[in-house]
Amino acid sequence: MSEVPFKAPINGGKAVLVGLFLLLAGITSCSSIYTVDAGERGIILTWGSVTSIVTDGLHMKLPFVQSLVLVDVRTRKAHAPAQAASSDMQRVGTEVALNYHLEPSKLEEIYTKTGLDIEPTLIDPRIQEVVKAVVAKYQADKLLAQREVVKAEIEQFLKVSLAPYHVVVEAVQITDFKFSEQYDAAIEAKQTAEQNAQKAKNDLERIKVEAEQKIATAQAEAEAIRIQSEAIKAQGGQGYVQLKAIEKWDGKLPTYQGSGPVPFLQLGK
C-alpha cells in the first residue's frame, strides 16, 4: 500500500495577512482615482498645501499624502438683504440677488487667502456697503422711478469691489424695495390726491363742454326764433296765425249755419 504524501496545513495567520493586504491595496487603489465633473475644478493638497489645480476628467493622486477639494466654478446666486437710508432720510430695505462665479485660474489664491466660503465673508458685506452708498444718492421716490439706473450702479460698484478677490460679477437683480409703513401711507395718500385732482379736472372739462353745448343750443334756438319773428313781421302775422291753427286742427271741418266763410281757406283773387 502506497503512502500518501504529507501536506502541511496552511498557516491561518498568513491567510489573514494576505487578505488584509489585498483589502488595503483595493482601498488604496480606489482612493488614488478620482473624477472631476464638468463645471468643477479640483484643488490638490499635498500634506495640506495646494500643489495643483486640475480640470474635469479622471485623475489620480497619491493616497494618504494628497487630498482633493472640489470647487464649483459655474454661476452661483447669492441673496442678501440690505438696509439703507435715502437722501431724504427715508429708511429703505433692499433685497439684492447677485449672480457670480469664481475665476478658475485663481482658485489657488482664493483658497489660500480667503477660503471658499466667500458669500458670508466677502459678498454679503460688499452688498451691504455698496447698497448703502448708492441708495444714499437718491430720494426715496426716485428709487422706484429710476430702478434700472440704481441697479446698474450697484452692479458696477460690486464688480469693482469684488474683482480683487477674483469673484466675477455677472449680473445683479433688485428683487424688492421696502419702505416704512408711514412712507407707504404717505405715498398712497399722494396718489389718491392726484387721482382726485385728475377726476376734478376731468369733471371741470366735462362741465365746460356741456355748458358750451347748451350755449350753442340756446343760440341756435334764439336764431330760429329770430327768423320766425322776422317772417311773421314780413307777413303781418296772418300766415303765422294760420300756421298755428293748422297745427291744432284735428282734420274735421267745422259745421256752420249760414253763409259764413270756411276757415283756413283763402281764395285767390
C-alpha atoms as a PDB file:
ATOM      1  CA  MET A   1       0.000   0.000   0.000  1.00  0.00           C
ATOM      2  CA  SER A   2       1.464   3.353  -1.156  1.00  0.00           C
ATOM      3  CA  GLU A   3       1.837   6.138   1.293  1.00  0.00           C
ATOM      4  CA  VAL A   4       0.020   9.474   0.791  1.00  0.00           C
ATOM      5  CA  PRO A   5       2.470  12.390   0.860  1.00  0.00           C
ATOM      6  CA  PHE A   6       2.041  14.626   3.873  1.00  0.00           C
ATOM      7  CA  LYS A   7       0.882  18.276   3.257  1.00  0.00           C
ATOM      8  CA  ALA A   8       1.466  20.864   5.892  1.00  0.00           C
ATOM      9  CA  PRO A   9      -1.680  22.835   6.782  1.00  0.00           C
ATOM     10  CA  ILE A  10      -1.860  26.457   5.548  1.00  0.00           C
ATOM     11  CA  ASN A  11      -0.877  28.898   8.228  1.00  0.00           C
ATOM     12  CA  GLY A  12      -4.016  30.731   9.339  1.00  0.00           C
ATOM     13  CA  GLY A  13      -2.077  33.877  10.235  1.00  0.00           C
ATOM     14  CA  LYS A  14      -0.625  34.180   6.750  1.00  0.00           C
ATOM     15  CA  ALA A  15      -4.064  33.932   5.162  1.00  0.00           C
ATOM     16  CA  VAL A  16      -5.332  36.792   7.309  1.00  0.00           C
ATOM     17  CA  LEU A  17      -2.337  38.914   6.371  1.00  0.00           C
ATOM     18  CA  VAL A  18      -2.839  38.241   2.685  1.00  0.00           C
ATOM     19  CA  GLY A  19      -6.492  39.186   2.962  1.00  0.00           C
ATOM     20  CA  LEU A  20      -5.677  42.401   4.781  1.00  0.00           C
ATOM     21  CA  PHE A  21      -3.030  43.258   2.205  1.00  0.00           C
ATOM     22  CA  LEU A  22      -5.449  42.746  -0.660  1.00  0.00           C
ATOM     23  CA  LEU A  23      -8.099  44.826   1.108  1.00  0.00           C
ATOM     24  CA  LEU A  24      -5.612  47.616   1.762  1.00  0.00           C
ATOM     25  CA  ALA A  25      -4.458  47.519  -1.843  1.00  0.00           C
ATOM     26  CA  GLY A  26      -8.028  47.804  -3.042  1.00  0.00           C
ATOM     27  CA  ILE A  27      -8.766  50.753  -0.742  1.00  0.00           C
ATOM     28  CA  THR A  28      -5.536  52.441  -1.788  1.00  0.00           C
ATOM     29  CA  SER A  29      -6.333  51.961  -5.457  1.00  0.00           C
ATOM     30  CA  CYS A  30      -9.828  53.402  -5.029  1.00  0.00           C
ATOM     31  CA  SER A  31      -8.589  56.398  -3.077  1.00  0.00           C
ATOM     32  CA  SER A  32      -5.982  57.133  -5.738  1.00  0.00           C
ATOM     33  CA  ILE A  33      -8.513  57.548  -8.581  1.00  0.00           C
ATOM     34  CA  TYR A  34     -10.993  60.422  -8.632  1.00  0.00           C
ATOM     35  CA  THR A  35     -13.237  62.256 -11.091  1.00  0.00           C
ATOM     36  CA  VAL A  36     -13.800  65.977 -11.546  1.00  0.00           C
ATOM     37  CA  ASP A  37     -17.166  66.749 -13.165  1.00  0.00           C
ATOM     38  CA  ALA A  38     -17.809  69.370 -15.843  1.00  0.00           C
ATOM     39  CA  GLY A  39     -18.136  72.824 -14.300  1.00  0.00           C
ATOM     40  CA  GLU A  40     -15.824  71.907 -11.426  1.00  0.00           C
ATOM     41  CA  ARG A  41     -12.158  72.252 -10.621  1.00  0.00           C
ATOM     42  CA  GLY A  42     -10.114  70.090  -8.272  1.00  0.00           C
ATOM     43  CA  ILE A  43      -7.649  71.558  -5.779  1.00  0.00           C
ATOM     44  CA  ILE A  44      -4.938  69.002  -4.949  1.00  0.00           C
ATOM     45  CA  LEU A  45      -3.442  69.380  -1.478  1.00  0.00           C
ATOM     46  CA  THR A  46      -0.152  67.637  -0.632  1.00  0.00           C
ATOM     47  CA  TRP A  47       0.326  67.452   3.130  1.00  0.00           C
ATOM     48  CA  GLY A  48      -2.238  70.313   3.361  1.00  0.00           C
ATOM     49  CA  SER A  49      -0.595  72.666   0.845  1.00  0.00           C
ATOM     50  CA  VAL A  50      -2.011  73.473  -2.601  1.00  0.00           C
ATOM     51  CA  THR A  51       0.162  71.830  -5.244  1.00  0.00           C
ATOM     52  CA  SER A  52      -2.049  71.825  -8.343  1.00  0.00           C
ATOM     53  CA  ILE A  53      -5.440  72.675  -9.860  1.00  0.00           C
ATOM     54  CA  VAL A  54      -6.994  70.055 -12.131  1.00  0.00           C
ATOM     55  CA  THR A  55      -9.839  70.348 -14.643  1.00  0.00           C
ATOM     56  CA  ASP A  56     -12.723  67.965 -15.286  1.00  0.00           C
ATOM     57  CA  GLY A  57     -11.981  64.330 -16.058  1.00  0.00           C
ATOM     58  CA  LEU A  58     -10.423  61.222 -14.487  1.00  0.00           C
ATOM     59  CA  HIS A  59      -7.287  61.754 -12.365  1.00  0.00           C
ATOM     60  CA  MET A  60      -5.004  60.008  -9.873  1.00  0.00           C
ATOM     61  CA  LYS A  61      -3.430  61.209  -6.639  1.00  0.00           C
ATOM     62  CA  LEU A  62      -1.102  59.820  -4.025  1.00  0.00           C
ATOM     63  CA  PRO A  63      -3.079  58.011  -1.338  1.00  0.00           C
ATOM     64  CA  PHE A  64      -2.716  59.245   2.253  1.00  0.00           C
ATOM     65  CA  VAL A  65      -0.412  62.006   1.042  1.00  0.00           C
ATOM     66  CA  GLN A  66      -2.654  64.051  -1.223  1.00  0.00           C
ATOM     67  CA  SER A  67      -6.268  65.134  -0.758  1.00  0.00           C
ATOM     68  CA  LEU A  68      -8.842  66.624  -3.115  1.00  0.00           C
ATOM     69  CA  VAL A  69     -11.117  69.664  -2.738  1.00  0.00           C
ATOM     70  CA  LEU A  70     -13.790  70.032  -5.426  1.00  0.00           C
ATOM     71  CA  VAL A  71     -14.855  73.577  -6.332  1.00  0.00           C
ATOM     72  CA  ASP A  72     -17.876  74.569  -8.436  1.00  0.00           C
ATOM     73  CA  VAL A  73     -16.865  77.296 -10.913  1.00  0.00           C
ATOM     74  CA  ARG A  74     -20.289  77.614 -12.539  1.00  0.00           C
ATOM     75  CA  THR A  75     -22.655  80.531 -11.966  1.00  0.00           C
ATOM     76  CA  ARG A  76     -23.860  80.843  -8.391  1.00  0.00           C
ATOM     77  CA  LYS A  77     -26.525  83.091  -6.905  1.00  0.00           C
ATOM     78  CA  ALA A  78     -26.200  84.961  -3.634  1.00  0.00           C
ATOM     79  CA  HIS A  79     -29.115  86.708  -1.898  1.00  0.00           C
ATOM     80  CA  ALA A  80     -28.546  89.456   0.618  1.00  0.00           C
ATOM     81  CA  PRO A  81     -30.953  91.905   2.290  1.00  0.00           C
ATOM     82  CA  ALA A  82     -29.549  95.397   2.835  1.00  0.00           C
ATOM     83  CA  GLN A  83     -30.779  98.301   4.935  1.00  0.00           C
ATOM     84  CA  ALA A  84     -30.010 101.858   3.801  1.00  0.00           C
ATOM     85  CA  ALA A  85     -31.218 105.455   4.033  1.00  0.00           C
ATOM     86  CA  SER A  86     -32.204 107.579   1.040  1.00  0.00           C
ATOM     87  CA  SER A  87     -31.017 111.166   0.541  1.00  0.00           C
ATOM     88  CA  ASP A  88     -34.280 112.428   2.103  1.00  0.00           C
ATOM     89  CA  MET A  89     -33.635 110.190   5.138  1.00  0.00           C
ATOM     90  CA  GLN A  90     -36.232 107.537   4.398  1.00  0.00           C
ATOM     91  CA  ARG A  91     -35.437 104.019   5.603  1.00  0.00           C
ATOM     92  CA  VAL A  92     -35.145 101.644   2.647  1.00  0.00           C
ATOM     93  CA  GLY A  93     -34.929  97.860   2.748  1.00  0.00           C
ATOM     94  CA  THR A  94     -33.434  96.319  -0.385  1.00  0.00           C
ATOM     95  CA  GLU A  95     -33.226  92.699  -1.480  1.00  0.00           C
ATOM     96  CA  VAL A  96     -30.316  92.103  -3.868  1.00  0.00           C
ATOM     97  CA  ALA A  97     -29.635  88.924  -5.852  1.00  0.00           C
ATOM     98  CA  LEU A  98     -26.114  88.552  -7.246  1.00  0.00           C
ATOM     99  CA  ASN A  99     -25.057  86.122  -9.999  1.00  0.00           C
ATOM    100  CA  TYR A 100     -21.329  85.397  -9.858  1.00  0.00           C
ATOM    101  CA  HIS A 101     -18.639  82.775 -10.379  1.00  0.00           C
ATOM    102  CA  LEU A 102     -15.125  82.192  -9.141  1.00  0.00           C
ATOM    103  CA  GLU A 103     -12.274  82.830 -11.550  1.00  0.00           C
ATOM    104  CA  PRO A 104     -10.971  79.289 -12.269  1.00  0.00           C
ATOM    105  CA  SER A 105      -7.364  80.339 -12.863  1.00  0.00           C
ATOM    106  CA  LYS A 106      -7.208  81.987  -9.423  1.00  0.00           C
ATOM    107  CA  LEU A 107      -8.541  79.145  -7.293  1.00  0.00           C
ATOM    108  CA  GLU A 108      -5.230  78.597  -5.533  1.00  0.00           C
ATOM    109  CA  GLU A 109      -5.106  82.215  -4.424  1.00  0.00           C
ATOM    110  CA  ILE A 110      -8.777  82.208  -3.432  1.00  0.00           C
ATOM    111  CA  TYR A 111      -8.325  79.025  -1.384  1.00  0.00           C
ATOM    112  CA  THR A 112      -5.191  80.175   0.415  1.00  0.00           C
ATOM    113  CA  LYS A 113      -6.180  83.815   1.054  1.00  0.00           C
ATOM    114  CA  THR A 114      -9.934  83.977   1.585  1.00  0.00           C
ATOM    115  CA  GLY A 115     -11.184  80.395   1.569  1.00  0.00           C
ATOM    116  CA  LEU A 116     -14.085  79.024  -0.413  1.00  0.00           C
ATOM    117  CA  ASP A 117     -16.904  80.173   1.894  1.00  0.00           C
ATOM    118  CA  ILE A 118     -16.962  83.569   0.241  1.00  0.00           C
ATOM    119  CA  GLU A 119     -20.636  84.553   0.466  1.00  0.00           C
ATOM    120  CA  PRO A 120     -20.754  85.344   4.210  1.00  0.00           C
ATOM    121  CA  THR A 121     -17.163  86.601   4.312  1.00  0.00           C
ATOM    122  CA  LEU A 122     -16.932  88.642   1.088  1.00  0.00           C
ATOM    123  CA  ILE A 123     -20.110  89.012  -0.945  1.00  0.00           C
ATOM    124  CA  ASP A 124     -22.722  89.825   1.713  1.00  0.00           C
ATOM    125  CA  PRO A 125     -20.650  92.612   3.360  1.00  0.00           C
ATOM    126  CA  ARG A 126     -19.865  94.153  -0.047  1.00  0.00           C
ATOM    127  CA  ILE A 127     -23.550  94.161  -0.982  1.00  0.00           C
ATOM    128  CA  GLN A 128     -24.390  95.961   2.259  1.00  0.00           C
ATOM    129  CA  GLU A 129     -21.670  98.520   1.672  1.00  0.00           C
ATOM    130  CA  VAL A 130     -22.499  99.219  -1.976  1.00  0.00           C
ATOM    131  CA  VAL A 131     -26.276  99.405  -1.494  1.00  0.00           C
ATOM    132  CA  LYS A 132     -25.888 101.968   1.290  1.00  0.00           C
ATOM    133  CA  ALA A 133     -23.605 104.108  -0.867  1.00  0.00           C
ATOM    134  CA  VAL A 134     -25.866 104.024  -3.940  1.00  0.00           C
ATOM    135  CA  VAL A 135     -29.247 104.413  -2.187  1.00  0.00           C
ATOM    136  CA  ALA A 136     -27.951 107.454  -0.273  1.00  0.00           C
ATOM    137  CA  LYS A 137     -27.641 109.305  -3.602  1.00  0.00           C
ATOM    138  CA  TYR A 138     -31.378 109.145  -4.389  1.00  0.00           C
ATOM    139  CA  GLN A 139     -34.609 110.382  -2.874  1.00  0.00           C
ATOM    140  CA  ALA A 140     -36.964 107.583  -1.894  1.00  0.00           C
ATOM    141  CA  ASP A 141     -39.492 108.219  -4.667  1.00  0.00           C
ATOM    142  CA  LYS A 142     -36.701 108.253  -7.291  1.00  0.00           C
ATOM    143  CA  LEU A 143     -35.513 104.767  -6.319  1.00  0.00           C
ATOM    144  CA  LEU A 144     -38.620 103.225  -7.860  1.00  0.00           C
ATOM    145  CA  ALA A 145     -38.788 105.588 -10.824  1.00  0.00           C
ATOM    146  CA  GLN A 146     -35.092 105.027 -11.678  1.00  0.00           C
ATOM    147  CA  ARG A 147     -34.849 101.392 -10.634  1.00  0.00           C
ATOM    148  CA  GLU A 148     -32.765 100.339 -13.665  1.00  0.00           C
ATOM    149  CA  VAL A 149     -30.255 103.147 -13.123  1.00  0.00           C
ATOM    150  CA  VAL A 150     -29.906 102.222  -9.453  1.00  0.00           C
ATOM    151  CA  LYS A 151     -29.422  98.546 -10.358  1.00  0.00           C
ATOM    152  CA  ALA A 152     -26.725  99.399 -12.921  1.00  0.00           C
ATOM    153  CA  GLU A 153     -24.816 101.478 -10.349  1.00  0.00           C
ATOM    154  CA  ILE A 154     -24.966  98.719  -7.734  1.00  0.00           C
ATOM    155  CA  GLU A 155     -23.789  96.163 -10.285  1.00  0.00           C
ATOM    156  CA  GLN A 156     -20.839  98.304 -11.388  1.00  0.00           C
ATOM    157  CA  PHE A 157     -19.727  99.032  -7.825  1.00  0.00           C
ATOM    158  CA  LEU A 158     -19.908  95.329  -6.906  1.00  0.00           C
ATOM    159  CA  LYS A 159     -17.824  94.358  -9.939  1.00  0.00           C
ATOM    160  CA  VAL A 160     -15.092  96.773  -8.862  1.00  0.00           C
ATOM    161  CA  SER A 161     -15.341  95.802  -5.184  1.00  0.00           C
ATOM    162  CA  LEU A 162     -15.159  92.017  -5.701  1.00  0.00           C
ATOM    163  CA  ALA A 163     -12.654  91.931  -8.573  1.00  0.00           C
ATOM    164  CA  PRO A 164      -9.578  91.943  -6.243  1.00  0.00           C
ATOM    165  CA  TYR A 165     -10.881  88.714  -4.685  1.00  0.00           C
ATOM    166  CA  HIS A 166     -11.297  87.061  -8.112  1.00  0.00           C
ATOM    167  CA  VAL A 167     -15.075  86.947  -7.811  1.00  0.00           C
ATOM    168  CA  VAL A 168     -16.590  87.678 -11.242  1.00  0.00           C
ATOM    169  CA  VAL A 169     -19.934  89.528 -11.018  1.00  0.00           C
ATOM    170  CA  GLU A 170     -22.247  88.517 -13.879  1.00  0.00           C
ATOM    171  CA  ALA A 171     -25.493  90.308 -13.051  1.00  0.00           C
ATOM    172  CA  VAL A 172     -27.406  91.982 -10.235  1.00  0.00           C
ATOM    173  CA  GLN A 173     -31.161  91.997  -9.627  1.00  0.00           C
ATOM    174  CA  ILE A 174     -33.014  94.186  -7.174  1.00  0.00           C
ATOM    175  CA  THR A 175     -35.896  91.974  -6.160  1.00  0.00           C
ATOM    176  CA  ASP A 176     -37.600  94.469  -3.863  1.00  0.00           C
ATOM    177  CA  PHE A 177     -37.601  97.957  -2.312  1.00  0.00           C
ATOM    178  CA  LYS A 178     -39.325  98.233   1.062  1.00  0.00           C
ATOM    179  CA  PHE A 179     -40.138 101.485   2.846  1.00  0.00           C
ATOM    180  CA  SER A 180     -41.558 102.297   6.259  1.00  0.00           C
ATOM    181  CA  GLU A 181     -45.301 101.976   6.841  1.00  0.00           C
ATOM    182  CA  GLN A 182     -45.563 105.742   7.313  1.00  0.00           C
ATOM    183  CA  TYR A 183     -43.876 106.412   3.983  1.00  0.00           C
ATOM    184  CA  ASP A 184     -46.054 103.857   2.177  1.00  0.00           C
ATOM    185  CA  ALA A 185     -49.149 105.526   3.687  1.00  0.00           C
ATOM    186  CA  ALA A 186     -47.913 108.963   2.547  1.00  0.00           C
ATOM    187  CA  ILE A 187     -47.314 107.659  -0.986  1.00  0.00           C
ATOM    188  CA  GLU A 188     -50.780 106.118  -1.083  1.00  0.00           C
ATOM    189  CA  ALA A 189     -52.341 109.384   0.143  1.00  0.00           C
ATOM    190  CA  LYS A 190     -50.426 111.343  -2.504  1.00  0.00           C
ATOM    191  CA  GLN A 191     -51.592 109.003  -5.249  1.00  0.00           C
ATOM    192  CA  THR A 192     -55.186 109.285  -4.022  1.00  0.00           C
ATOM    193  CA  ALA A 193     -54.948 113.094  -4.016  1.00  0.00           C
ATOM    194  CA  GLU A 194     -53.527 113.084  -7.539  1.00  0.00           C
ATOM    195  CA  GLN A 195     -56.310 110.796  -8.722  1.00  0.00           C
ATOM    196  CA  ASN A 196     -58.949 113.036  -7.112  1.00  0.00           C
ATOM    197  CA  ALA A 197     -57.377 116.138  -8.647  1.00  0.00           C
ATOM    198  CA  GLN A 198     -57.374 114.491 -12.066  1.00  0.00           C
ATOM    199  CA  LYS A 199     -61.012 113.479 -11.619  1.00  0.00           C
ATOM    200  CA  ALA A 200     -61.934 117.050 -10.647  1.00  0.00           C
ATOM    201  CA  LYS A 201     -60.085 118.355 -13.693  1.00  0.00           C
ATOM    202  CA  ASN A 202     -61.915 115.892 -15.915  1.00  0.00           C
ATOM    203  CA  ASP A 203     -65.252 116.877 -14.350  1.00  0.00           C
ATOM    204  CA  LEU A 204     -64.496 120.556 -14.934  1.00  0.00           C
ATOM    205  CA  GLU A 205     -63.677 119.883 -18.561  1.00  0.00           C
ATOM    206  CA  ARG A 206     -66.896 117.895 -18.937  1.00  0.00           C
ATOM    207  CA  ILE A 207     -68.987 120.674 -17.346  1.00  0.00           C
ATOM    208  CA  LYS A 208     -67.300 123.230 -19.577  1.00  0.00           C
ATOM    209  CA  VAL A 209     -68.069 121.193 -22.681  1.00  0.00           C
ATOM    210  CA  GLU A 210     -71.677 120.668 -21.575  1.00  0.00           C
ATOM    211  CA  ALA A 211     -72.066 124.397 -20.933  1.00  0.00           C
ATOM    212  CA  GLU A 212     -70.669 125.203 -24.361  1.00  0.00           C
ATOM    213  CA  GLN A 213     -73.112 122.725 -25.866  1.00  0.00           C
ATOM    214  CA  LYS A 214     -76.018 124.368 -24.022  1.00  0.00           C
ATOM    215  CA  ILE A 215     -74.902 127.828 -25.163  1.00  0.00           C
ATOM    216  CA  ALA A 216     -74.675 126.628 -28.736  1.00  0.00           C
ATOM    217  CA  THR A 217     -78.142 125.062 -28.443  1.00  0.00           C
ATOM    218  CA  ALA A 218     -79.609 128.259 -26.958  1.00  0.00           C
ATOM    219  CA  GLN A 219     -78.004 130.367 -29.668  1.00  0.00           C
ATOM    220  CA  ALA A 220     -79.442 128.084 -32.314  1.00  0.00           C
ATOM    221  CA  GLU A 221     -82.911 128.281 -30.747  1.00  0.00           C
ATOM    222  CA  ALA A 222     -82.653 132.081 -30.464  1.00  0.00           C
ATOM    223  CA  GLU A 223     -81.644 132.299 -34.111  1.00  0.00           C
ATOM    224  CA  ALA A 224     -84.587 130.154 -35.097  1.00  0.00           C
ATOM    225  CA  ILE A 225     -86.970 132.381 -33.087  1.00  0.00           C
ATOM    226  CA  ARG A 226     -85.488 135.467 -34.703  1.00  0.00           C
ATOM    227  CA  ILE A 227     -86.025 134.074 -38.171  1.00  0.00           C
ATOM    228  CA  GLN A 228     -89.597 133.132 -37.325  1.00  0.00           C
ATOM    229  CA  SER A 229     -90.260 136.575 -35.878  1.00  0.00           C
ATOM    230  CA  GLU A 230     -88.951 138.261 -38.980  1.00  0.00           C
ATOM    231  CA  ALA A 231     -91.111 136.022 -41.138  1.00  0.00           C
ATOM    232  CA  ILE A 232     -94.186 136.849 -39.048  1.00  0.00           C
ATOM    233  CA  LYS A 233     -93.499 140.534 -39.273  1.00  0.00           C
ATOM    234  CA  ALA A 234     -92.989 140.296 -43.002  1.00  0.00           C
ATOM    235  CA  GLN A 235     -96.406 138.636 -43.441  1.00  0.00           C
ATOM    236  CA  GLY A 236     -98.208 140.872 -40.987  1.00  0.00           C
ATOM    237  CA  GLY A 237     -98.907 137.971 -38.670  1.00  0.00           C
ATOM    238  CA  GLN A 238    -101.646 136.403 -40.768  1.00  0.00           C
ATOM    239  CA  GLY A 239     -99.584 133.482 -42.039  1.00  0.00           C
ATOM    240  CA  TYR A 240     -98.333 132.651 -38.536  1.00  0.00           C
ATOM    241  CA  VAL A 241    -101.889 132.572 -37.130  1.00  0.00           C
ATOM    242  CA  GLN A 242    -102.994 130.244 -39.914  1.00  0.00           C
ATOM    243  CA  LEU A 243     -99.951 128.002 -39.340  1.00  0.00           C
ATOM    244  CA  LYS A 244    -100.736 127.604 -35.633  1.00  0.00           C
ATOM    245  CA  ALA A 245    -104.411 126.953 -36.395  1.00  0.00           C
ATOM    246  CA  ILE A 246    -103.451 124.232 -38.869  1.00  0.00           C
ATOM    247  CA  GLU A 247    -101.116 122.639 -36.326  1.00  0.00           C
ATOM    248  CA  LYS A 248    -104.029 122.379 -33.849  1.00  0.00           C
ATOM    249  CA  TRP A 249    -106.642 121.217 -36.436  1.00  0.00           C
ATOM    250  CA  ASP A 250    -107.959 117.706 -35.834  1.00  0.00           C
ATOM    251  CA  GLY A 251    -108.842 117.176 -39.520  1.00  0.00           C
ATOM    252  CA  LYS A 252    -112.612 117.750 -39.186  1.00  0.00           C
ATOM    253  CA  LEU A 253    -114.306 120.641 -40.877  1.00  0.00           C
ATOM    254  CA  PRO A 254    -116.491 122.652 -38.525  1.00  0.00           C
ATOM    255  CA  THR A 255    -120.242 122.903 -39.099  1.00  0.00           C
ATOM    256  CA  TYR A 256    -121.570 126.394 -39.703  1.00  0.00           C
ATOM    257  CA  GLN A 257    -125.071 127.767 -40.103  1.00  0.00           C
ATOM    258  CA  GLY A 258    -125.492 130.498 -42.522  1.00  0.00           C
ATOM    259  CA  SER A 259    -123.205 131.533 -45.242  1.00  0.00           C
ATOM    260  CA  GLY A 260    -120.040 132.383 -43.264  1.00  0.00           C
ATOM    261  CA  PRO A 261    -116.603 131.609 -44.734  1.00  0.00           C
ATOM    262  CA  VAL A 262    -114.895 128.260 -44.125  1.00  0.00           C
ATOM    263  CA  PRO A 263    -111.756 128.731 -42.013  1.00  0.00           C
ATOM    264  CA  PHE A 264    -108.211 128.032 -43.416  1.00  0.00           C
ATOM    265  CA  LEU A 265    -109.445 128.581 -46.968  1.00  0.00           C
ATOM    266  CA  GLN A 266    -108.175 131.582 -48.757  1.00  0.00           C
ATOM    267  CA  LEU A 267    -109.368 132.015 -52.258  1.00  0.00           C
ATOM    268  CA  GLY A 268    -107.117 133.556 -54.742  1.00  0.00           C
ATOM    269  CA  LYS A 269    -108.175 136.788 -56.276  1.00  0.00           C
END
